[in-house]
Protein backbone atom coordinates (compact mmCIF):
# COMPACT_ATOMS: atom_id res chain seq x y z
CA ASP A 1 142.32 31.30 -106.32
CA ALA A 2 138.61 31.59 -105.62
CA ILE A 3 136.10 28.84 -106.26
CA ASN A 4 134.53 29.24 -109.70
CA SER A 5 136.95 32.07 -110.43
CA GLY A 6 137.32 30.88 -113.99
CA ASP A 7 140.76 29.42 -113.30
CA ALA A 8 140.39 25.98 -114.87
CA THR A 9 143.25 24.37 -112.96
CA THR A 10 142.20 25.57 -109.52
CA ASP A 11 138.52 24.91 -110.16
CA GLY A 12 139.39 21.44 -111.45
CA VAL A 13 141.20 20.60 -108.21
CA ILE A 14 138.34 21.99 -106.13
CA ASP A 15 135.81 20.04 -108.19
CA ALA A 16 137.80 16.83 -107.74
CA LEU A 17 138.02 17.30 -103.97
CA ARG A 18 134.32 18.17 -103.74
CA ASP A 19 133.38 15.12 -105.81
CA ALA A 20 135.49 12.92 -103.53
CA MET A 21 133.86 14.35 -100.39
CA ILE A 22 130.40 13.88 -101.87
CA ALA A 23 131.26 10.30 -102.80
CA HIS A 24 132.30 9.63 -99.19
CA GLY A 25 129.23 11.37 -97.78
CA LEU A 26 131.30 14.02 -95.98
CA ILE A 27 129.38 16.91 -97.50
CA ALA A 28 125.95 17.27 -99.09
CA ALA A 29 125.72 17.08 -102.85
CA ALA A 30 124.52 20.62 -103.46
């Protein structure tokens, strides 16, 4: 499923992974 597709489950997983990467400094907090 696409990011921000409106699918709450998929977007929730993506958000959790993104938050984890931001917390570890792996990606910029955009």
